[in-house]
Amino acid sequence: MALSQFGGQDENPFDVLSERELQIMMMITRGEKVQDISEQLNLSSKTVNSYRYRMFEKLKISGDVELTHLAIKYRMLDTNDL
C-alpha cells in the first residue's frame, strides 16, 4: 500500500537522491545504525539523520522499513546480502 504511490516499475524513485543520500540509504537498508554510519563517514549523527529525513521526504515515506521495502522493490538492495 505504501509503495502504491509510485507509478510504473520503470520509474525509479531513487533517481531523485544525491550520491551521499544513496550511500546512506544503502547503509541503513543493510541494518547499520546511525551512530555507526556517522563514524564510518566522518559525519555527526545529526547530519546522518538529516540525510535520512531528507530521503524520507523525497521518497514520500516515513521510516527505515519502508525505505528497505522500496529498495528491495526497485532492486537497489540484494536480498541475498540480508
N, C-alpha and C. Protein backbone atom coordinates (compact mmCIF):
# COMPACT_ATOMS: atom_id res chain seq x y z
N MET A 1 0.83 -1.19 0.00
CA MET A 1 0.00 0.00 0.00
C MET A 1 0.88 1.26 0.00
N ALA A 2 1.88 1.30 0.88
CA ALA A 2 2.74 2.48 0.94
C ALA A 2 3.50 2.67 -0.35
N LEU A 3 3.77 1.58 -1.04
CA LEU A 3 4.54 1.67 -2.28
C LEU A 3 3.66 1.93 -3.49
N SER A 4 2.35 1.88 -3.32
CA SER A 4 1.44 2.07 -4.45
C SER A 4 1.48 3.49 -4.99
N GLN A 5 2.04 4.44 -4.23
CA GLN A 5 2.10 5.81 -4.70
C GLN A 5 3.07 5.99 -5.86
N PHE A 6 3.95 5.02 -6.05
CA PHE A 6 4.90 5.10 -7.15
C PHE A 6 4.29 4.43 -8.35
N GLY A 7 4.41 5.10 -9.49
CA GLY A 7 3.79 4.63 -10.71
C GLY A 7 4.30 3.29 -11.18
N GLY A 8 4.71 3.25 -12.42
CA GLY A 8 5.17 2.01 -13.01
C GLY A 8 6.52 1.59 -12.48
N GLN A 9 6.86 0.35 -12.72
CA GLN A 9 8.13 -0.21 -12.29
C GLN A 9 9.31 0.49 -12.98
N ASP A 10 9.04 1.13 -14.13
CA ASP A 10 10.12 1.75 -14.90
C ASP A 10 10.71 2.97 -14.20
N GLU A 11 9.89 3.69 -13.45
CA GLU A 11 10.33 4.91 -12.78
C GLU A 11 10.99 4.54 -11.45
N ASN A 12 12.26 4.87 -11.33
CA ASN A 12 12.97 4.56 -10.09
C ASN A 12 12.96 5.79 -9.19
N PRO A 13 12.27 5.73 -8.06
CA PRO A 13 12.18 6.89 -7.17
C PRO A 13 13.54 7.28 -6.58
N PHE A 14 14.51 6.37 -6.59
CA PHE A 14 15.83 6.66 -6.03
C PHE A 14 16.64 7.60 -6.92
N ASP A 15 16.17 7.83 -8.14
CA ASP A 15 16.87 8.75 -9.04
C ASP A 15 16.92 10.17 -8.50
N VAL A 16 16.02 10.51 -7.58
CA VAL A 16 15.98 11.88 -7.03
C VAL A 16 17.00 12.08 -5.90
N LEU A 17 17.63 11.00 -5.44
CA LEU A 17 18.55 11.11 -4.31
C LEU A 17 19.96 11.49 -4.77
N SER A 18 20.66 12.20 -3.90
CA SER A 18 22.06 12.55 -4.17
C SER A 18 22.92 11.31 -3.93
N GLU A 19 24.18 11.39 -4.33
CA GLU A 19 25.10 10.26 -4.11
C GLU A 19 25.25 9.95 -2.63
N ARG A 20 25.36 10.99 -1.79
CA ARG A 20 25.51 10.79 -0.35
C ARG A 20 24.24 10.16 0.23
N GLU A 21 23.08 10.61 -0.23
CA GLU A 21 21.82 10.03 0.24
C GLU A 21 21.74 8.56 -0.15
N LEU A 22 22.17 8.22 -1.37
CA LEU A 22 22.17 6.82 -1.80
C LEU A 22 23.13 5.99 -0.94
N GLN A 23 24.28 6.56 -0.65
CA GLN A 23 25.26 5.87 0.19
C GLN A 23 24.68 5.58 1.57
N ILE A 24 24.06 6.56 2.16
CA ILE A 24 23.46 6.38 3.48
C ILE A 24 22.27 5.44 3.41
N MET A 25 21.49 5.53 2.33
CA MET A 25 20.35 4.62 2.15
C MET A 25 20.81 3.18 2.14
N MET A 26 21.89 2.91 1.41
CA MET A 26 22.39 1.54 1.34
C MET A 26 22.85 1.05 2.71
N MET A 27 23.46 1.90 3.48
CA MET A 27 23.93 1.52 4.81
C MET A 27 22.75 1.26 5.75
N ILE A 28 21.74 2.10 5.66
CA ILE A 28 20.55 1.93 6.51
C ILE A 28 19.84 0.63 6.16
N THR A 29 19.69 0.36 4.87
CA THR A 29 18.95 -0.84 4.46
C THR A 29 19.71 -2.12 4.76
N ARG A 30 21.02 -2.00 5.00
CA ARG A 30 21.79 -3.16 5.44
C ARG A 30 21.74 -3.31 6.96
N GLY A 31 21.01 -2.44 7.62
CA GLY A 31 20.80 -2.56 9.06
C GLY A 31 21.82 -1.84 9.92
N GLU A 32 22.63 -0.98 9.32
CA GLU A 32 23.63 -0.26 10.11
C GLU A 32 22.96 0.85 10.91
N LYS A 33 23.45 1.07 12.10
CA LYS A 33 22.91 2.10 12.99
C LYS A 33 23.46 3.47 12.61
N VAL A 34 22.68 4.50 12.92
CA VAL A 34 23.07 5.87 12.59
C VAL A 34 24.44 6.20 13.16
N GLN A 35 24.69 5.81 14.41
CA GLN A 35 25.98 6.10 15.03
C GLN A 35 27.13 5.45 14.25
N ASP A 36 26.94 4.21 13.82
CA ASP A 36 27.98 3.52 13.04
C ASP A 36 28.19 4.19 11.68
N ILE A 37 27.10 4.60 11.05
CA ILE A 37 27.19 5.29 9.76
C ILE A 37 27.95 6.60 9.93
N SER A 38 27.63 7.33 10.98
CA SER A 38 28.29 8.62 11.20
C SER A 38 29.80 8.44 11.42
N GLU A 39 30.18 7.40 12.13
CA GLU A 39 31.60 7.14 12.37
C GLU A 39 32.31 6.75 11.08
N GLN A 40 31.67 5.90 10.28
CA GLN A 40 32.30 5.44 9.02
C GLN A 40 32.47 6.58 8.02
N LEU A 41 31.51 7.50 8.00
CA LEU A 41 31.53 8.58 7.01
C LEU A 41 32.09 9.88 7.56
N ASN A 42 32.54 9.84 8.82
CA ASN A 42 33.06 11.04 9.48
C ASN A 42 32.07 12.19 9.46
N LEU A 43 30.83 11.87 9.79
CA LEU A 43 29.75 12.85 9.89
C LEU A 43 29.17 12.77 11.30
N SER A 44 28.49 13.81 11.72
CA SER A 44 27.81 13.73 13.00
C SER A 44 26.53 12.91 12.83
N SER A 45 26.05 12.36 13.93
CA SER A 45 24.79 11.61 13.89
C SER A 45 23.65 12.51 13.42
N LYS A 46 23.71 13.77 13.82
CA LYS A 46 22.67 14.73 13.43
C LYS A 46 22.66 14.90 11.90
N THR A 47 23.84 14.95 11.29
CA THR A 47 23.93 15.09 9.84
C THR A 47 23.38 13.85 9.14
N VAL A 48 23.71 12.67 9.65
CA VAL A 48 23.19 11.43 9.06
C VAL A 48 21.67 11.42 9.15
N ASN A 49 21.13 11.81 10.30
CA ASN A 49 19.68 11.86 10.45
C ASN A 49 19.05 12.89 9.53
N SER A 50 19.74 14.00 9.28
CA SER A 50 19.23 14.99 8.33
C SER A 50 19.12 14.38 6.93
N TYR A 51 20.13 13.63 6.54
CA TYR A 51 20.07 12.93 5.25
C TYR A 51 18.91 11.94 5.23
N ARG A 52 18.74 11.19 6.33
CA ARG A 52 17.64 10.21 6.40
C ARG A 52 16.30 10.89 6.17
N TYR A 53 16.04 11.95 6.92
CA TYR A 53 14.74 12.60 6.82
C TYR A 53 14.54 13.29 5.48
N ARG A 54 15.62 13.78 4.88
CA ARG A 54 15.52 14.35 3.54
C ARG A 54 15.14 13.26 2.53
N MET A 55 15.74 12.07 2.69
CA MET A 55 15.38 10.95 1.81
C MET A 55 13.91 10.59 1.98
N PHE A 56 13.47 10.52 3.24
CA PHE A 56 12.07 10.17 3.51
C PHE A 56 11.14 11.16 2.82
N GLU A 57 11.47 12.44 2.87
CA GLU A 57 10.64 13.45 2.21
C GLU A 57 10.63 13.24 0.70
N LYS A 58 11.81 13.08 0.12
CA LYS A 58 11.90 12.92 -1.33
C LYS A 58 11.18 11.67 -1.81
N LEU A 59 11.25 10.59 -1.03
CA LEU A 59 10.63 9.32 -1.42
C LEU A 59 9.20 9.19 -0.94
N LYS A 60 8.75 10.16 -0.15
CA LYS A 60 7.38 10.17 0.41
C LYS A 60 7.12 8.92 1.25
N ILE A 61 8.07 8.64 2.14
CA ILE A 61 7.95 7.52 3.06
C ILE A 61 8.19 8.04 4.48
N SER A 62 8.01 7.16 5.47
CA SER A 62 8.12 7.65 6.84
C SER A 62 9.09 6.89 7.72
N GLY A 63 9.80 5.92 7.17
CA GLY A 63 10.72 5.20 8.03
C GLY A 63 11.64 4.24 7.31
N ASP A 64 12.54 3.65 8.11
CA ASP A 64 13.55 2.74 7.57
C ASP A 64 12.95 1.47 6.96
N VAL A 65 11.87 0.99 7.53
CA VAL A 65 11.25 -0.23 7.00
C VAL A 65 10.71 0.03 5.59
N GLU A 66 10.02 1.15 5.42
CA GLU A 66 9.53 1.50 4.08
C GLU A 66 10.69 1.71 3.12
N LEU A 67 11.75 2.31 3.61
CA LEU A 67 12.94 2.53 2.78
C LEU A 67 13.50 1.20 2.30
N THR A 68 13.57 0.24 3.19
CA THR A 68 14.09 -1.08 2.84
C THR A 68 13.18 -1.78 1.84
N HIS A 69 11.88 -1.72 2.07
CA HIS A 69 10.92 -2.34 1.13
C HIS A 69 11.04 -1.71 -0.25
N LEU A 70 11.18 -0.40 -0.28
CA LEU A 70 11.30 0.30 -1.56
C LEU A 70 12.61 -0.09 -2.26
N ALA A 71 13.68 -0.19 -1.49
CA ALA A 71 14.98 -0.58 -2.06
C ALA A 71 14.92 -1.99 -2.65
N ILE A 72 14.22 -2.88 -1.98
CA ILE A 72 14.07 -4.24 -2.50
C ILE A 72 13.22 -4.23 -3.77
N LYS A 73 12.12 -3.49 -3.73
CA LYS A 73 11.21 -3.43 -4.88
C LYS A 73 11.92 -2.94 -6.13
N TYR A 74 12.78 -1.94 -5.97
CA TYR A 74 13.46 -1.36 -7.13
C TYR A 74 14.87 -1.92 -7.32
N ARG A 75 15.10 -3.06 -6.70
CA ARG A 75 16.35 -3.82 -6.85
C ARG A 75 17.60 -2.98 -6.55
N MET A 76 17.47 -2.11 -5.56
CA MET A 76 18.61 -1.33 -5.09
C MET A 76 19.38 -2.11 -4.02
N LEU A 77 18.74 -3.15 -3.52
CA LEU A 77 19.28 -3.93 -2.44
C LEU A 77 19.21 -5.40 -2.82
N ASP A 78 20.31 -6.10 -2.69
CA ASP A 78 20.35 -7.52 -2.98
C ASP A 78 19.87 -8.28 -1.74
N THR A 79 18.76 -8.95 -1.85
CA THR A 79 18.19 -9.65 -0.69
C THR A 79 19.05 -10.83 -0.27
N ASN A 80 19.96 -11.27 -1.10
CA ASN A 80 20.87 -12.35 -0.71
C ASN A 80 21.89 -11.88 0.32
N ASP A 81 22.10 -10.56 0.39
CA ASP A 81 23.05 -9.99 1.34
C ASP A 81 22.43 -9.77 2.72
N LEU A 82 21.12 -9.96 2.83
CA LEU A 82 20.45 -9.70 4.11
C LEU A 82 20.63 -10.83 5.07
